[in-house]
Structures are given as structure tokens and as C-alpha cells.
């Protein structure tokens, strides 16, 4: 089971996207947990994650967060984020993880 964490400033906008990604994972039969948190909780919430995805508005935090975690830290595709396209986000996650 993969642990996927989405992060933005307060965890609110990515929370909306989480529901769509969970739906896509269920439809694809992809075994994972998906949660959203504020970017300032990265060390605490994502220490055992398989991947962390940052909302485009906090992409400037990528290097700082990557330095603190042992998993990939990627930026959510801006178009997929704006369209709340959970399927596209999940496809990008699977590609990044090699699943």
C-alpha cells in the first residue's frame, strides 16, 4: 500500500483534490492512502510517505521539503490541479513511483 501526501498552504485546496484522487485510485484498483496537509507539517506528516505532491502555489517549497524527506517530492501538474483532475494526478503519481 502506497502512502501519498498532498500539501498546500493550509491543506484546504489539496483536500478537495484528495477526494478525486481517492476516487480514481478506487476505480483503478490502486492500493493507497491519500491525505492532504499544510506544507508546514511536512516533516511530521510525510516522514513515512512514498511520495509528497505540492500544490503549484507552494512549488517554491520543493527543495526545502525534499531535503527533509526520503521520498520524492513533486509538484502537482497545474492544469490537473486547476481542473481537480484526480485521474491525471494519480497517473502522474504512479509514473513517478514506477507503479
C-alpha atoms as a PDB file:
ATOM      1  CA  UNK A   1       0.000   0.000   0.000  1.00  0.00           C
ATOM      2  CA  UNK A   2       1.355   3.371  -1.031  1.00  0.00           C
ATOM      3  CA  UNK A   3       1.154   6.424   1.222  1.00  0.00           C
ATOM      4  CA  UNK A   4       0.533   9.596  -0.787  1.00  0.00           C
ATOM      5  CA  UNK A   5       0.570  13.071   0.761  1.00  0.00           C
ATOM      6  CA  UNK A   6      -0.648  16.246  -0.948  1.00  0.00           C
ATOM      7  CA  UNK A   7       0.353  19.592   0.517  1.00  0.00           C
ATOM      8  CA  UNK A   8      -0.544  23.240   0.026  1.00  0.00           C
ATOM      9  CA  UNK A   9      -0.515  26.355   2.205  1.00  0.00           C
ATOM     10  CA  UNK A  10      -3.276  25.263   4.576  1.00  0.00           C
ATOM     11  CA  UNK A  11      -4.203  21.834   3.231  1.00  0.00           C
ATOM     12  CA  UNK A  12      -7.591  23.111   2.082  1.00  0.00           C
ATOM     13  CA  UNK A  13      -7.297  23.258  -1.709  1.00  0.00           C
ATOM     14  CA  UNK A  14      -5.499  19.933  -1.859  1.00  0.00           C
ATOM     15  CA  UNK A  15      -8.207  18.420   0.363  1.00  0.00           C
ATOM     16  CA  UNK A  16     -10.669  18.895  -2.481  1.00  0.00           C
ATOM     17  CA  UNK A  17      -8.289  17.160  -4.875  1.00  0.00           C
ATOM     18  CA  UNK A  18      -7.734  14.264  -2.447  1.00  0.00           C
ATOM     19  CA  UNK A  19     -11.337  13.112  -2.888  1.00  0.00           C
ATOM     20  CA  UNK A  20     -10.907  12.976  -6.656  1.00  0.00           C
ATOM     21  CA  UNK A  21      -7.585  11.124  -6.417  1.00  0.00           C
ATOM     22  CA  UNK A  22      -9.113   8.625  -3.965  1.00  0.00           C
ATOM     23  CA  UNK A  23     -11.979   8.050  -6.394  1.00  0.00           C
ATOM     24  CA  UNK A  24      -9.532   7.474  -9.260  1.00  0.00           C
ATOM     25  CA  UNK A  25      -7.481   5.053  -7.104  1.00  0.00           C
ATOM     26  CA  UNK A  26     -10.605   3.082  -6.240  1.00  0.00           C
ATOM     27  CA  UNK A  27     -11.628   2.907  -9.922  1.00  0.00           C
ATOM     28  CA  UNK A  28      -8.131   1.736 -10.909  1.00  0.00           C
ATOM     29  CA  UNK A  29      -7.800  -0.708  -8.018  1.00  0.00           C
ATOM     30  CA  UNK A  30      -4.682   1.134  -6.798  1.00  0.00           C
ATOM     31  CA  UNK A  31      -3.938   0.314  -3.157  1.00  0.00           C
ATOM     32  CA  UNK A  32      -3.018   3.547  -1.391  1.00  0.00           C
ATOM     33  CA  UNK A  33      -3.847   6.076   1.275  1.00  0.00           C
ATOM     34  CA  UNK A  34      -4.113   9.713   0.232  1.00  0.00           C
ATOM     35  CA  UNK A  35      -4.239  12.659   2.605  1.00  0.00           C
ATOM     36  CA  UNK A  36      -3.731  16.429   2.479  1.00  0.00           C
ATOM     37  CA  UNK A  37      -1.922  18.626   4.987  1.00  0.00           C
ATOM     38  CA  UNK A  38      -0.458  22.114   5.251  1.00  0.00           C
ATOM     39  CA  UNK A  39       3.070  22.365   3.856  1.00  0.00           C
ATOM     40  CA  UNK A  40       4.402  23.481   7.246  1.00  0.00           C
ATOM     41  CA  UNK A  41       3.574  19.989   8.608  1.00  0.00           C
ATOM     42  CA  UNK A  42       5.720  18.159   6.019  1.00  0.00           C
ATOM     43  CA  UNK A  43       8.284  16.714   8.425  1.00  0.00           C
ATOM     44  CA  UNK A  44       5.670  15.429  10.846  1.00  0.00           C
ATOM     45  CA  UNK A  45       3.052  14.162   8.373  1.00  0.00           C
ATOM     46  CA  UNK A  46       5.163  12.868   5.498  1.00  0.00           C
ATOM     47  CA  UNK A  47       8.128  11.184   7.188  1.00  0.00           C
ATOM     48  CA  UNK A  48       6.941   7.719   6.056  1.00  0.00           C
ATOM     49  CA  UNK A  49       5.247   8.730   2.797  1.00  0.00           C
ATOM     50  CA  UNK A  50       6.031   7.107  -0.543  1.00  0.00           C
ATOM     51  CA  UNK A  51       5.567  10.430  -2.331  1.00  0.00           C
ATOM     52  CA  UNK A  52       4.668  14.023  -1.484  1.00  0.00           C
ATOM     53  CA  UNK A  53       2.963  16.262  -4.008  1.00  0.00           C
ATOM     54  CA  UNK A  54       2.920  20.024  -3.590  1.00  0.00           C
ATOM     55  CA  UNK A  55       0.230  22.316  -4.888  1.00  0.00           C
ATOM     56  CA  UNK A  56       1.549  24.648  -7.611  1.00  0.00           C
ATOM     57  CA  UNK A  57       1.191  27.647  -5.292  1.00  0.00           C
ATOM     58  CA  UNK A  58       3.832  26.208  -2.914  1.00  0.00           C
ATOM     59  CA  UNK A  59       6.232  24.813  -5.525  1.00  0.00           C
ATOM     60  CA  UNK A  60       8.927  27.141  -4.149  1.00  0.00           C
ATOM     61  CA  UNK A  61       9.000  24.870  -1.044  1.00  0.00           C
ATOM     62  CA  UNK A  62      10.091  21.783  -3.028  1.00  0.00           C
ATOM     63  CA  UNK A  63      13.836  21.921  -2.324  1.00  0.00           C
ATOM     64  CA  UNK A  64      13.358  22.687   1.367  1.00  0.00           C
ATOM     65  CA  UNK A  65      10.907  19.826   1.871  1.00  0.00           C
ATOM     66  CA  UNK A  66      12.895  17.394  -0.274  1.00  0.00           C
ATOM     67  CA  UNK A  67      15.922  17.993   1.955  1.00  0.00           C
ATOM     68  CA  UNK A  68      13.902  16.833   4.974  1.00  0.00           C
ATOM     69  CA  UNK A  69      12.273  13.718   3.478  1.00  0.00           C
ATOM     70  CA  UNK A  70      13.465  10.435   1.998  1.00  0.00           C
ATOM     71  CA  UNK A  71      10.711  10.196  -0.634  1.00  0.00           C
ATOM     72  CA  UNK A  72      10.142  12.010  -3.937  1.00  0.00           C
ATOM     73  CA  UNK A  73       8.649  15.495  -3.617  1.00  0.00           C
ATOM     74  CA  UNK A  74       6.892  16.547  -6.824  1.00  0.00           C
ATOM     75  CA  UNK A  75       4.737  19.422  -7.981  1.00  0.00           C
ATOM     76  CA  UNK A  76       1.133  18.699  -8.967  1.00  0.00           C
ATOM     77  CA  UNK A  77       0.544  19.456 -12.634  1.00  0.00           C
ATOM     78  CA  UNK A  78      -1.003  22.937 -12.743  1.00  0.00           C
ATOM     79  CA  UNK A  79      -3.730  22.036 -15.254  1.00  0.00           C
ATOM     80  CA  UNK A  80      -4.692  18.877 -13.350  1.00  0.00           C
ATOM     81  CA  UNK A  81      -4.724  20.867 -10.113  1.00  0.00           C
ATOM     82  CA  UNK A  82      -6.903  23.616 -11.566  1.00  0.00           C
ATOM     83  CA  UNK A  83      -9.336  21.144 -13.132  1.00  0.00           C
ATOM     84  CA  UNK A  84      -9.321  18.955  -9.987  1.00  0.00           C
ATOM     85  CA  UNK A  85      -8.416  16.032 -12.260  1.00  0.00           C
ATOM     86  CA  UNK A  86      -7.796  13.206  -9.799  1.00  0.00           C
ATOM     87  CA  UNK A  87      -7.208  10.650 -12.528  1.00  0.00           C
ATOM     88  CA  UNK A  88      -4.378  12.685 -14.097  1.00  0.00           C
ATOM     89  CA  UNK A  89      -2.802  13.335 -10.697  1.00  0.00           C
ATOM     90  CA  UNK A  90      -2.919   9.616  -9.861  1.00  0.00           C
ATOM     91  CA  UNK A  91      -1.440   8.691 -13.246  1.00  0.00           C
ATOM     92  CA  UNK A  92       1.420  11.116 -12.576  1.00  0.00           C
ATOM     93  CA  UNK A  93       1.940   9.595  -9.105  1.00  0.00           C
ATOM     94  CA  UNK A  94       2.037   6.068 -10.490  1.00  0.00           C
ATOM     95  CA  UNK A  95       4.511   7.113 -13.175  1.00  0.00           C
ATOM     96  CA  UNK A  96       6.771   8.839 -10.623  1.00  0.00           C
ATOM     97  CA  UNK A  97       6.719   5.757  -8.367  1.00  0.00           C
ATOM     98  CA  UNK A  98       7.133   3.288 -11.223  1.00  0.00           C
ATOM     99  CA  UNK A  99       3.846   1.540 -10.447  1.00  0.00           C
END
